[in-house]
Amino acid sequence: MQEMDIESVLFEIITEVGSARSFYIEAIQAAREKEIGKAKELIREGQAAFQKGHHIHADLIRAVSGEDHVPVFQKDERIMLLTHAEDQLMSAEAFGILAEEFLALYQAMSDKGVL
């Protein structure tokens, strides 16, 4: 991977997992409003976006782990961008887990007539 295109790869990760996180938050809000079908669809969309970002990240890790790899992180701002991308990746993963748990909770409450 060349130094010039590393930024676009990092922004792809940030974009995909940022979208995933937004879908997950919307899913929690939909579940709270008793829109269970919509919440499930939003979680599926979030999972799809998260998987895209995760695969891009995994490809990046493989690229920089190869024997013939030439370091591309020569500037601090690129290291910070990588850190931000990975932070967004982990945040989206946590929101995905929480969204699934909230959906299950709201569904159970709805089934019992509490909502």
PDB file of N, CA and C in Angstrom:
ATOM      1  N   MET A   1       0.844  -1.176   0.000  1.00  0.00           N
ATOM      2  CA  MET A   1       0.000   0.000   0.000  1.00  0.00           C
ATOM      3  C   MET A   1       0.887   1.236   0.000  1.00  0.00           C
ATOM      4  N   GLN A   2       0.608   2.158  -0.868  1.00  0.00           N
ATOM      5  CA  GLN A   2       1.435   3.344  -0.993  1.00  0.00           C
ATOM      6  C   GLN A   2       0.996   4.415  -0.011  1.00  0.00           C
ATOM      7  N   GLU A   3       1.958   5.281   0.325  1.00  0.00           N
ATOM      8  CA  GLU A   3       1.677   6.352   1.272  1.00  0.00           C
ATOM      9  C   GLU A   3       0.531   7.236   0.790  1.00  0.00           C
ATOM     10  N   MET A   4       0.409   7.436  -0.502  1.00  0.00           N
ATOM     11  CA  MET A   4      -0.599   8.343  -1.035  1.00  0.00           C
ATOM     12  C   MET A   4      -2.021   7.821  -0.864  1.00  0.00           C
ATOM     13  N   ASP A   5      -2.225   6.529  -0.969  1.00  0.00           N
ATOM     14  CA  ASP A   5      -3.601   6.043  -0.891  1.00  0.00           C
ATOM     15  C   ASP A   5      -3.997   5.540   0.494  1.00  0.00           C
ATOM     16  N   ILE A   6      -3.092   5.588   1.461  1.00  0.00           N
ATOM     17  CA  ILE A   6      -3.422   5.133   2.805  1.00  0.00           C
ATOM     18  C   ILE A   6      -4.514   5.996   3.420  1.00  0.00           C
ATOM     19  N   GLU A   7      -4.494   7.292   3.148  1.00  0.00           N
ATOM     20  CA  GLU A   7      -5.506   8.170   3.721  1.00  0.00           C
ATOM     21  C   GLU A   7      -6.901   7.813   3.219  1.00  0.00           C
ATOM     22  N   SER A   8      -7.031   7.511   1.945  1.00  0.00           N
ATOM     23  CA  SER A   8      -8.349   7.150   1.424  1.00  0.00           C
ATOM     24  C   SER A   8      -8.831   5.832   2.030  1.00  0.00           C
ATOM     25  N   VAL A   9      -7.924   4.897   2.269  1.00  0.00           N
ATOM     26  CA  VAL A   9      -8.295   3.635   2.907  1.00  0.00           C
ATOM     27  C   VAL A   9      -8.780   3.897   4.331  1.00  0.00           C
ATOM     28  N   LEU A  10      -8.074   4.746   5.056  1.00  0.00           N
ATOM     29  CA  LEU A  10      -8.470   5.056   6.427  1.00  0.00           C
ATOM     30  C   LEU A  10      -9.814   5.771   6.466  1.00  0.00           C
ATOM     31  N   PHE A  11     -10.029   6.677   5.527  1.00  0.00           N
ATOM     32  CA  PHE A  11     -11.319   7.367   5.477  1.00  0.00           C
ATOM     33  C   PHE A  11     -12.450   6.412   5.095  1.00  0.00           C
ATOM     34  N   GLU A  12     -12.155   5.402   4.290  1.00  0.00           N
ATOM     35  CA  GLU A  12     -13.168   4.385   3.970  1.00  0.00           C
ATOM     36  C   GLU A  12     -13.588   3.646   5.238  1.00  0.00           C
ATOM     37  N   ILE A  13     -12.608   3.283   6.058  1.00  0.00           N
ATOM     38  CA  ILE A  13     -12.917   2.607   7.321  1.00  0.00           C
ATOM     39  C   ILE A  13     -13.798   3.506   8.175  1.00  0.00           C
ATOM     40  N   ILE A  14     -13.379   4.745   8.347  1.00  0.00           N
ATOM     41  CA  ILE A  14     -14.116   5.693   9.184  1.00  0.00           C
ATOM     42  C   ILE A  14     -15.537   5.883   8.664  1.00  0.00           C
ATOM     43  N   THR A  15     -15.691   5.998   7.356  1.00  0.00           N
ATOM     44  CA  THR A  15     -17.011   6.199   6.758  1.00  0.00           C
ATOM     45  C   THR A  15     -17.916   5.007   7.006  1.00  0.00           C
ATOM     46  N   GLU A  16     -17.427   3.812   6.723  1.00  0.00           N
ATOM     47  CA  GLU A  16     -18.259   2.608   6.869  1.00  0.00           C
ATOM     48  C   GLU A  16     -18.652   2.360   8.316  1.00  0.00           C
ATOM     49  N   VAL A  17     -17.689   2.410   9.224  1.00  0.00           N
ATOM     50  CA  VAL A  17     -18.031   2.101  10.611  1.00  0.00           C
ATOM     51  C   VAL A  17     -18.795   3.245  11.264  1.00  0.00           C
ATOM     52  N   GLY A  18     -18.591   4.470  10.785  1.00  0.00           N
ATOM     53  CA  GLY A  18     -19.406   5.587  11.260  1.00  0.00           C
ATOM     54  C   GLY A  18     -20.855   5.400  10.853  1.00  0.00           C
ATOM     55  N   SER A  19     -21.068   4.934   9.639  1.00  0.00           N
ATOM     56  CA  SER A  19     -22.429   4.631   9.180  1.00  0.00           C
ATOM     57  C   SER A  19     -23.030   3.505  10.019  1.00  0.00           C
ATOM     58  N   ALA A  20     -22.235   2.490  10.291  1.00  0.00           N
ATOM     59  CA  ALA A  20     -22.713   1.366  11.105  1.00  0.00           C
ATOM     60  C   ALA A  20     -23.177   1.862  12.467  1.00  0.00           C
ATOM     61  N   ARG A  21     -22.369   2.682  13.076  1.00  0.00           N
ATOM     62  CA  ARG A  21     -22.717   3.210  14.404  1.00  0.00           C
ATOM     63  C   ARG A  21     -24.022   3.998  14.353  1.00  0.00           C
ATOM     64  N   SER A  22     -24.198   4.800  13.306  1.00  0.00           N
ATOM     65  CA  SER A  22     -25.435   5.568  13.149  1.00  0.00           C
ATOM     66  C   SER A  22     -26.642   4.643  12.983  1.00  0.00           C
ATOM     67  N   PHE A  23     -26.488   3.581  12.175  1.00  0.00           N
ATOM     68  CA  PHE A  23     -27.580   2.619  12.019  1.00  0.00           C
ATOM     69  C   PHE A  23     -27.934   1.981  13.360  1.00  0.00           C
ATOM     70  N   TYR A  24     -26.923   1.633  14.147  1.00  0.00           N
ATOM     71  CA  TYR A  24     -27.171   0.997  15.435  1.00  0.00           C
ATOM     72  C   TYR A  24     -27.910   1.936  16.389  1.00  0.00           C
ATOM     73  N   ILE A  25     -27.514   3.186  16.414  1.00  0.00           N
ATOM     74  CA  ILE A  25     -28.188   4.157  17.276  1.00  0.00           C
ATOM     75  C   ILE A  25     -29.642   4.324  16.837  1.00  0.00           C
ATOM     76  N   GLU A  26     -29.867   4.422  15.535  1.00  0.00           N
ATOM     77  CA  GLU A  26     -31.234   4.526  15.013  1.00  0.00           C
ATOM     78  C   GLU A  26     -32.043   3.279  15.364  1.00  0.00           C
ATOM     79  N   ALA A  27     -31.406   2.121  15.361  1.00  0.00           N
ATOM     80  CA  ALA A  27     -32.095   0.879  15.713  1.00  0.00           C
ATOM     81  C   ALA A  27     -32.572   0.916  17.157  1.00  0.00           C
ATOM     82  N   ILE A  28     -31.742   1.391  18.052  1.00  0.00           N
ATOM     83  CA  ILE A  28     -32.129   1.502  19.464  1.00  0.00           C
ATOM     84  C   ILE A  28     -33.313   2.456  19.596  1.00  0.00           C
ATOM     85  N   GLN A  29     -33.257   3.571  18.886  1.00  0.00           N
ATOM     86  CA  GLN A  29     -34.345   4.543  18.940  1.00  0.00           C
ATOM     87  C   GLN A  29     -35.628   3.954  18.362  1.00  0.00           C
ATOM     88  N   ALA A  30     -35.533   3.206  17.284  1.00  0.00           N
ATOM     89  CA  ALA A  30     -36.714   2.573  16.685  1.00  0.00           C
ATOM     90  C   ALA A  30     -37.310   1.546  17.648  1.00  0.00           C
ATOM     91  N   ALA A  31     -36.448   0.762  18.286  1.00  0.00           N
ATOM     92  CA  ALA A  31     -36.930  -0.242  19.239  1.00  0.00           C
ATOM     93  C   ALA A  31     -37.662   0.436  20.398  1.00  0.00           C
ATOM     94  N   ARG A  32     -37.127   1.544  20.865  1.00  0.00           N
ATOM     95  CA  ARG A  32     -37.770   2.283  21.951  1.00  0.00           C
ATOM     96  C   ARG A  32     -39.169   2.740  21.552  1.00  0.00           C
ATOM     97  N   GLU A  33     -39.335   3.033  20.259  1.00  0.00           N
ATOM     98  CA  GLU A  33     -40.637   3.483  19.738  1.00  0.00           C
ATOM     99  C   GLU A  33     -41.519   2.305  19.305  1.00  0.00           C
ATOM    100  N   LYS A  34     -41.130   1.098  19.681  1.00  0.00           N
ATOM    101  CA  LYS A  34     -41.866  -0.134  19.392  1.00  0.00           C
ATOM    102  C   LYS A  34     -41.889  -0.461  17.903  1.00  0.00           C
ATOM    103  N   GLU A  35     -40.957   0.029  17.151  1.00  0.00           N
ATOM    104  CA  GLU A  35     -40.832  -0.277  15.724  1.00  0.00           C
ATOM    105  C   GLU A  35     -39.785  -1.386  15.566  1.00  0.00           C
ATOM    106  N   ILE A  36     -40.158  -2.564  16.020  1.00  0.00           N
ATOM    107  CA  ILE A  36     -39.218  -3.684  16.110  1.00  0.00           C
ATOM    108  C   ILE A  36     -38.711  -4.102  14.736  1.00  0.00           C
ATOM    109  N   GLY A  37     -39.599  -4.190  13.753  1.00  0.00           N
ATOM    110  CA  GLY A  37     -39.175  -4.568  12.401  1.00  0.00           C
ATOM    111  C   GLY A  37     -38.168  -3.585  11.838  1.00  0.00           C
ATOM    112  N   LYS A  38     -38.441  -2.307  12.032  1.00  0.00           N
ATOM    113  CA  LYS A  38     -37.512  -1.269  11.565  1.00  0.00           C
ATOM    114  C   LYS A  38     -36.182  -1.387  12.305  1.00  0.00           C
ATOM    115  N   ALA A  39     -36.231  -1.632  13.604  1.00  0.00           N
ATOM    116  CA  ALA A  39     -35.002  -1.773  14.396  1.00  0.00           C
ATOM    117  C   ALA A  39     -34.164  -2.940  13.894  1.00  0.00           C
ATOM    118  N   LYS A  40     -34.811  -4.048  13.589  1.00  0.00           N
ATOM    119  CA  LYS A  40     -34.077  -5.217  13.082  1.00  0.00           C
ATOM    120  C   LYS A  40     -33.416  -4.902  11.746  1.00  0.00           C
ATOM    121  N   GLU A  41     -34.128  -4.200  10.876  1.00  0.00           N
ATOM    122  CA  GLU A  41     -33.563  -3.838   9.574  1.00  0.00           C
ATOM    123  C   GLU A  41     -32.378  -2.889   9.744  1.00  0.00           C
ATOM    124  N   LEU A  42     -32.494  -1.934  10.648  1.00  0.00           N
ATOM    125  CA  LEU A  42     -31.390  -1.005  10.898  1.00  0.00           C
ATOM    126  C   LEU A  42     -30.166  -1.735  11.443  1.00  0.00           C
ATOM    127  N   ILE A  43     -30.383  -2.721  12.293  1.00  0.00           N
ATOM    128  CA  ILE A  43     -29.258  -3.517  12.791  1.00  0.00           C
ATOM    129  C   ILE A  43     -28.605  -4.268  11.638  1.00  0.00           C
ATOM    130  N   ARG A  44     -29.410  -4.844  10.743  1.00  0.00           N
ATOM    131  CA  ARG A  44     -28.834  -5.547   9.586  1.00  0.00           C
ATOM    132  C   ARG A  44     -28.014  -4.589   8.722  1.00  0.00           C
ATOM    133  N   GLU A  45     -28.537  -3.391   8.495  1.00  0.00           N
ATOM    134  CA  GLU A  45     -27.791  -2.403   7.710  1.00  0.00           C
ATOM    135  C   GLU A  45     -26.503  -2.003   8.429  1.00  0.00           C
ATOM    136  N   GLY A  46     -26.584  -1.859   9.739  1.00  0.00           N
ATOM    137  CA  GLY A  46     -25.391  -1.545  10.516  1.00  0.00           C
ATOM    138  C   GLY A  46     -24.355  -2.641  10.435  1.00  0.00           C
ATOM    139  N   GLN A  47     -24.811  -3.879  10.517  1.00  0.00           N
ATOM    140  CA  GLN A  47     -23.884  -5.005  10.430  1.00  0.00           C
ATOM    141  C   GLN A  47     -23.202  -5.059   9.071  1.00  0.00           C
ATOM    142  N   ALA A  48     -23.955  -4.759   8.009  1.00  0.00           N
ATOM    143  CA  ALA A  48     -23.369  -4.771   6.663  1.00  0.00           C
ATOM    144  C   ALA A  48     -22.298  -3.692   6.529  1.00  0.00           C
ATOM    145  N   ALA A  49     -22.600  -2.488   7.015  1.00  0.00           N
ATOM    146  CA  ALA A  49     -21.627  -1.398   6.950  1.00  0.00           C
ATOM    147  C   ALA A  49     -20.409  -1.712   7.820  1.00  0.00           C
ATOM    148  N   PHE A  50     -20.660  -2.272   9.011  1.00  0.00           N
ATOM    149  CA  PHE A  50     -19.550  -2.623   9.897  1.00  0.00           C
ATOM    150  C   PHE A  50     -18.640  -3.657   9.243  1.00  0.00           C
ATOM    151  N   GLN A  51     -19.239  -4.661   8.618  1.00  0.00           N
ATOM    152  CA  GLN A  51     -18.438  -5.696   7.966  1.00  0.00           C
ATOM    153  C   GLN A  51     -17.559  -5.113   6.861  1.00  0.00           C
ATOM    154  N   LYS A  52     -18.095  -4.163   6.094  1.00  0.00           N
ATOM    155  CA  LYS A  52     -17.278  -3.511   5.061  1.00  0.00           C
ATOM    156  C   LYS A  52     -16.065  -2.844   5.690  1.00  0.00           C
ATOM    157  N   GLY A  53     -16.314  -2.050   6.733  1.00  0.00           N
ATOM    158  CA  GLY A  53     -15.209  -1.362   7.410  1.00  0.00           C
ATOM    159  C   GLY A  53     -14.223  -2.335   8.030  1.00  0.00           C
ATOM    160  N   HIS A  54     -14.745  -3.388   8.620  1.00  0.00           N
ATOM    161  CA  HIS A  54     -13.892  -4.397   9.252  1.00  0.00           C
ATOM    162  C   HIS A  54     -13.008  -5.082   8.213  1.00  0.00           C
ATOM    163  N   HIS A  55     -13.573  -5.409   7.050  1.00  0.00           N
ATOM    164  CA  HIS A  55     -12.790  -6.054   5.997  1.00  0.00           C
ATOM    165  C   HIS A  55     -11.703  -5.121   5.455  1.00  0.00           C
ATOM    166  N   ILE A  56     -12.025  -3.862   5.294  1.00  0.00           N
ATOM    167  CA  ILE A  56     -11.023  -2.894   4.842  1.00  0.00           C
ATOM    168  C   ILE A  56      -9.890  -2.821   5.854  1.00  0.00           C
ATOM    169  N   HIS A  57     -10.238  -2.798   7.134  1.00  0.00           N
ATOM    170  CA  HIS A  57      -9.236  -2.752   8.200  1.00  0.00           C
ATOM    171  C   HIS A  57      -8.379  -4.017   8.187  1.00  0.00           C
ATOM    172  N   ALA A  58      -9.020  -5.168   8.039  1.00  0.00           N
ATOM    173  CA  ALA A  58      -8.274  -6.434   8.005  1.00  0.00           C
ATOM    174  C   ALA A  58      -7.323  -6.470   6.812  1.00  0.00           C
ATOM    175  N   ASP A  59      -7.784  -5.980   5.664  1.00  0.00           N
ATOM    176  CA  ASP A  59      -6.914  -5.916   4.488  1.00  0.00           C
ATOM    177  C   ASP A  59      -5.714  -5.016   4.741  1.00  0.00           C
ATOM    178  N   LEU A  60      -5.944  -3.914   5.423  1.00  0.00           N
ATOM    179  CA  LEU A  60      -4.856  -2.993   5.768  1.00  0.00           C
ATOM    180  C   LEU A  60      -3.845  -3.682   6.676  1.00  0.00           C
ATOM    181  N   ILE A  61      -4.327  -4.395   7.675  1.00  0.00           N
ATOM    182  CA  ILE A  61      -3.429  -5.108   8.596  1.00  0.00           C
ATOM    183  C   ILE A  61      -2.597  -6.141   7.839  1.00  0.00           C
ATOM    184  N   ARG A  62      -3.247  -6.875   6.926  1.00  0.00           N
ATOM    185  CA  ARG A  62      -2.503  -7.854   6.127  1.00  0.00           C
ATOM    186  C   ARG A  62      -1.447  -7.170   5.263  1.00  0.00           C
ATOM    187  N   ALA A  63      -1.817  -6.029   4.683  1.00  0.00           N
ATOM    188  CA  ALA A  63      -0.890  -5.323   3.802  1.00  0.00           C
ATOM    189  C   ALA A  63       0.350  -4.850   4.554  1.00  0.00           C
ATOM    190  N   VAL A  64       0.165  -4.355   5.770  1.00  0.00           N
ATOM    191  CA  VAL A  64       1.316  -3.839   6.509  1.00  0.00           C
ATOM    192  C   VAL A  64       2.070  -4.936   7.253  1.00  0.00           C
ATOM    193  N   SER A  65       1.536  -6.153   7.236  1.00  0.00           N
ATOM    194  CA  SER A  65       2.196  -7.273   7.912  1.00  0.00           C
ATOM    195  C   SER A  65       3.069  -8.094   6.974  1.00  0.00           C
ATOM    196  N   GLY A  66       3.003  -7.849   5.677  1.00  0.00           N
ATOM    197  CA  GLY A  66       3.772  -8.625   4.710  1.00  0.00           C
ATOM    198  C   GLY A  66       5.258  -8.337   4.792  1.00  0.00           C
ATOM    199  N   GLU A  67       6.034  -9.335   4.388  1.00  0.00           N
ATOM    200  CA  GLU A  67       7.493  -9.200   4.432  1.00  0.00           C
ATOM    201  C   GLU A  67       8.012  -8.089   3.535  1.00  0.00           C
ATOM    202  N   ASP A  68       7.349  -7.849   2.411  1.00  0.00           N
ATOM    203  CA  ASP A  68       7.816  -6.845   1.466  1.00  0.00           C
ATOM    204  C   ASP A  68       7.225  -5.458   1.727  1.00  0.00           C
ATOM    205  N   HIS A  69       6.588  -5.311   2.875  1.00  0.00           N
ATOM    206  CA  HIS A  69       5.928  -4.051   3.206  1.00  0.00           C
ATOM    207  C   HIS A  69       6.935  -2.925   3.419  1.00  0.00           C
ATOM    208  N   VAL A  70       6.655  -1.788   2.806  1.00  0.00           N
ATOM    209  CA  VAL A  70       7.421  -0.557   3.035  1.00  0.00           C
ATOM    210  C   VAL A  70       6.541   0.334   3.900  1.00  0.00           C
ATOM    211  N   PRO A  71       7.021   0.774   5.055  1.00  0.00           N
ATOM    212  CA  PRO A  71       6.180   1.578   5.951  1.00  0.00           C
ATOM    213  C   PRO A  71       5.561   2.780   5.239  1.00  0.00           C
ATOM    214  N   VAL A  72       4.255   2.997   5.510  1.00  0.00           N
ATOM    215  CA  VAL A  72       3.552   4.127   4.910  1.00  0.00           C
ATOM    216  C   VAL A  72       3.236   5.211   5.932  1.00  0.00           C
ATOM    217  N   PHE A  73       3.382   4.897   7.185  1.00  0.00           N
ATOM    218  CA  PHE A  73       3.056   5.866   8.220  1.00  0.00           C
ATOM    219  C   PHE A  73       4.297   6.680   8.589  1.00  0.00           C
ATOM    220  N   GLN A  74       4.664   7.573   7.690  1.00  0.00           N
ATOM    221  CA  GLN A  74       5.853   8.394   7.900  1.00  0.00           C
ATOM    222  C   GLN A  74       5.525   9.703   8.614  1.00  0.00           C
ATOM    223  N   LYS A  75       4.241  10.042   8.683  1.00  0.00           N
ATOM    224  CA  LYS A  75       3.838  11.306   9.286  1.00  0.00           C
ATOM    225  C   LYS A  75       2.881  11.042  10.438  1.00  0.00           C
ATOM    226  N   ASP A  76       3.003  11.832  11.485  1.00  0.00           N
ATOM    227  CA  ASP A  76       2.167  11.657  12.666  1.00  0.00           C
ATOM    228  C   ASP A  76       0.677  11.752  12.365  1.00  0.00           C
ATOM    229  N   GLU A  77       0.277  12.632  11.439  1.00  0.00           N
ATOM    230  CA  GLU A  77      -1.152  12.776  11.178  1.00  0.00           C
ATOM    231  C   GLU A  77      -1.756  11.500  10.598  1.00  0.00           C
ATOM    232  N   ARG A  78      -0.974  10.713   9.893  1.00  0.00           N
ATOM    233  CA  ARG A  78      -1.489   9.441   9.381  1.00  0.00           C
ATOM    234  C   ARG A  78      -1.648   8.428  10.515  1.00  0.00           C
ATOM    235  N   ILE A  79      -0.750   8.456  11.460  1.00  0.00           N
ATOM    236  CA  ILE A  79      -0.876   7.575  12.615  1.00  0.00           C
ATOM    237  C   ILE A  79      -2.121   7.960  13.406  1.00  0.00           C
ATOM    238  N   MET A  80      -2.359   9.251  13.550  1.00  0.00           N
ATOM    239  CA  MET A  80      -3.549   9.718  14.245  1.00  0.00           C
ATOM    240  C   MET A  80      -4.808   9.310  13.486  1.00  0.00           C
ATOM    241  N   LEU A  81      -4.764   9.365  12.172  1.00  0.00           N
ATOM    242  CA  LEU A  81      -5.912   8.969  11.356  1.00  0.00           C
ATOM    243  C   LEU A  81      -6.179   7.473  11.509  1.00  0.00           C
ATOM    244  N   LEU A  82      -5.134   6.673  11.546  1.00  0.00           N
ATOM    245  CA  LEU A  82      -5.282   5.235  11.783  1.00  0.00           C
ATOM    246  C   LEU A  82      -5.892   5.001  13.160  1.00  0.00           C
ATOM    247  N   THR A  83      -5.410   5.705  14.157  1.00  0.00           N
ATOM    248  CA  THR A  83      -5.938   5.567  15.512  1.00  0.00           C
ATOM    249  C   THR A  83      -7.420   5.924  15.538  1.00  0.00           C
ATOM    250  N   HIS A  84      -7.778   6.996  14.851  1.00  0.00           N
ATOM    251  CA  HIS A  84      -9.187   7.407  14.789  1.00  0.00           C
ATOM    252  C   HIS A  84     -10.026   6.334  14.091  1.00  0.00           C
ATOM    253  N   ALA A  85      -9.531   5.791  12.992  1.00  0.00           N
ATOM    254  CA  ALA A  85     -10.261   4.751  12.268  1.00  0.00           C
ATOM    255  C   ALA A  85     -10.489   3.537  13.165  1.00  0.00           C
ATOM    256  N   GLU A  86      -9.463   3.120  13.871  1.00  0.00           N
ATOM    257  CA  GLU A  86      -9.593   1.959  14.746  1.00  0.00           C
ATOM    258  C   GLU A  86     -10.513   2.250  15.929  1.00  0.00           C
ATOM    259  N   ASP A  87     -10.467   3.473  16.449  1.00  0.00           N
ATOM    260  CA  ASP A  87     -11.364   3.870  17.529  1.00  0.00           C
ATOM    261  C   ASP A  87     -12.815   3.816  17.052  1.00  0.00           C
ATOM    262  N   GLN A  88     -13.065   4.313  15.851  1.00  0.00           N
ATOM    263  CA  GLN A  88     -14.412   4.274  15.295  1.00  0.00           C
ATOM    264  C   GLN A  88     -14.865   2.839  15.071  1.00  0.00           C
ATOM    265  N   LEU A  89     -13.956   1.981  14.642  1.00  0.00           N
ATOM    266  CA  LEU A  89     -14.253   0.568  14.428  1.00  0.00           C
ATOM    267  C   LEU A  89     -14.709  -0.073  15.735  1.00  0.00           C
ATOM    268  N   MET A  90     -13.975   0.146  16.796  1.00  0.00           N
ATOM    269  CA  MET A  90     -14.316  -0.451  18.084  1.00  0.00           C
ATOM    270  C   MET A  90     -15.594   0.142  18.651  1.00  0.00           C
ATOM    271  N   SER A  91     -15.788   1.436  18.469  1.00  0.00           N
ATOM    272  CA  SER A  91     -17.009   2.086  18.944  1.00  0.00           C
ATOM    273  C   SER A  91     -18.227   1.522  18.229  1.00  0.00           C
ATOM    274  N   ALA A  92     -18.125   1.345  16.924  1.00  0.00           N
ATOM    275  CA  ALA A  92     -19.243   0.787  16.156  1.00  0.00           C
ATOM    276  C   ALA A  92     -19.536  -0.639  16.597  1.00  0.00           C
ATOM    277  N   GLU A  93     -18.491  -1.405  16.870  1.00  0.00           N
ATOM    278  CA  GLU A  93     -18.698  -2.774  17.325  1.00  0.00           C
ATOM    279  C   GLU A  93     -19.460  -2.782  18.653  1.00  0.00           C
ATOM    280  N   ALA A  94     -19.073  -1.904  19.570  1.00  0.00           N
ATOM    281  CA  ALA A  94     -19.749  -1.822  20.868  1.00  0.00           C
ATOM    282  C   ALA A  94     -21.204  -1.398  20.691  1.00  0.00           C
ATOM    283  N   PHE A  95     -21.453  -0.413  19.829  1.00  0.00           N
ATOM    284  CA  PHE A  95     -22.826   0.027  19.587  1.00  0.00           C
ATOM    285  C   PHE A  95     -23.654  -1.098  18.965  1.00  0.00           C
ATOM    286  N   GLY A  96     -23.063  -1.906  18.119  1.00  0.00           N
ATOM    287  CA  GLY A  96     -23.775  -3.029  17.526  1.00  0.00           C
ATOM    288  C   GLY A  96     -24.232  -4.020  18.582  1.00  0.00           C
ATOM    289  N   ILE A  97     -23.349  -4.328  19.496  1.00  0.00           N
ATOM    290  CA  ILE A  97     -23.689  -5.242  20.586  1.00  0.00           C
ATOM    291  C   ILE A  97     -24.803  -4.649  21.438  1.00  0.00           C
ATOM    292  N   LEU A  98     -24.666  -3.369  21.785  1.00  0.00           N
ATOM    293  CA  LEU A  98     -25.688  -2.711  22.594  1.00  0.00           C
ATOM    294  C   LEU A  98     -27.025  -2.639  21.865  1.00  0.00           C
ATOM    295  N   ALA A  99     -26.996  -2.354  20.573  1.00  0.00           N
ATOM    296  CA  ALA A  99     -28.242  -2.273  19.810  1.00  0.00           C
ATOM    297  C   ALA A  99     -28.979  -3.605  19.830  1.00  0.00           C
ATOM    298  N   GLU A 100     -28.248  -4.697  19.662  1.00  0.00           N
ATOM    299  CA  GLU A 100     -28.883  -6.017  19.702  1.00  0.00           C
ATOM    300  C   GLU A 100     -29.467  -6.298  21.080  1.00  0.00           C
ATOM    301  N   GLU A 101     -28.756  -5.908  22.123  1.00  0.00           N
ATOM    302  CA  GLU A 101     -29.244  -6.129  23.486  1.00  0.00           C
ATOM    303  C   GLU A 101     -30.469  -5.266  23.786  1.00  0.00           C
ATOM    304  N   PHE A 102     -30.422  -3.991  23.385  1.00  0.00           N
ATOM    305  CA  PHE A 102     -31.578  -3.119  23.593  1.00  0.00           C
ATOM    306  C   PHE A 102     -32.786  -3.633  22.825  1.00  0.00           C
ATOM    307  N   LEU A 103     -32.579  -4.085  21.605  1.00  0.00           N
ATOM    308  CA  LEU A 103     -33.677  -4.616  20.809  1.00  0.00           C
ATOM    309  C   LEU A 103     -34.308  -5.814  21.523  1.00  0.00           C
ATOM    310  N   ALA A 104     -33.491  -6.707  22.018  1.00  0.00           N
ATOM    311  CA  ALA A 104     -34.010  -7.870  22.746  1.00  0.00           C
ATOM    312  C   ALA A 104     -34.773  -7.431  23.992  1.00  0.00           C
ATOM    313  N   LEU A 105     -34.266  -6.439  24.696  1.00  0.00           N
ATOM    314  CA  LEU A 105     -34.929  -5.937  25.899  1.00  0.00           C
ATOM    315  C   LEU A 105     -36.278  -5.313  25.554  1.00  0.00           C
ATOM    316  N   TYR A 106     -36.294  -4.430  24.561  1.00  0.00           N
ATOM    317  CA  TYR A 106     -37.556  -3.799  24.166  1.00  0.00           C
ATOM    318  C   TYR A 106     -38.548  -4.840  23.644  1.00  0.00           C
ATOM    319  N   GLN A 107     -38.073  -5.830  22.920  1.00  0.00           N
ATOM    320  CA  GLN A 107     -38.947  -6.880  22.406  1.00  0.00           C
ATOM    321  C   GLN A 107     -39.565  -7.657  23.568  1.00  0.00           C
ATOM    322  N   ALA A 108     -38.742  -8.016  24.558  1.00  0.00           N
ATOM    323  CA  ALA A 108     -39.243  -8.765  25.708  1.00  0.00           C
ATOM    324  C   ALA A 108     -40.253  -7.931  26.500  1.00  0.00           C
ATOM    325  N   MET A 109     -39.961  -6.662  26.667  1.00  0.00           N
ATOM    326  CA  MET A 109     -40.893  -5.788  27.390  1.00  0.00           C
ATOM    327  C   MET A 109     -42.195  -5.650  26.621  1.00  0.00           C
ATOM    328  N   SER A 110     -42.112  -5.525  25.319  1.00  0.00           N
ATOM    329  CA  SER A 110     -43.297  -5.411  24.480  1.00  0.00           C
ATOM    330  C   SER A 110     -44.120  -6.697  24.535  1.00  0.00           C
ATOM    331  N   ASP A 111     -43.439  -7.847  24.476  1.00  0.00           N
ATOM    332  CA  ASP A 111     -44.131  -9.142  24.544  1.00  0.00           C
ATOM    333  C   ASP A 111     -44.888  -9.311  25.854  1.00  0.00           C
ATOM    334  N   LYS A 112     -44.365  -8.726  26.933  1.00  0.00           N
ATOM    335  CA  LYS A 112     -45.015  -8.843  28.240  1.00  0.00           C
ATOM    336  C   LYS A 112     -46.034  -7.732  28.487  1.00  0.00           C
ATOM    337  N   GLY A 113     -46.195  -6.849  27.498  1.00  0.00           N
ATOM    338  CA  GLY A 113     -47.170  -5.775  27.635  1.00  0.00           C
ATOM    339  C   GLY A 113     -46.701  -4.626  28.508  1.00  0.00           C
ATOM    340  N   VAL A 114     -45.428  -4.571  28.800  1.00  0.00           N
ATOM    341  CA  VAL A 114     -44.889  -3.497  29.637  1.00  0.00           C
ATOM    342  C   VAL A 114     -44.786  -2.205  28.840  1.00  0.00           C
ATOM    343  N   LEU A 115     -44.583  -2.311  27.566  1.00  0.00           N
ATOM    344  CA  LEU A 115     -44.488  -1.113  26.714  1.00  0.00           C
ATOM    345  C   LEU A 115     -45.790  -0.868  25.990  1.00  0.00           C
TER     346      LEU A 115
END
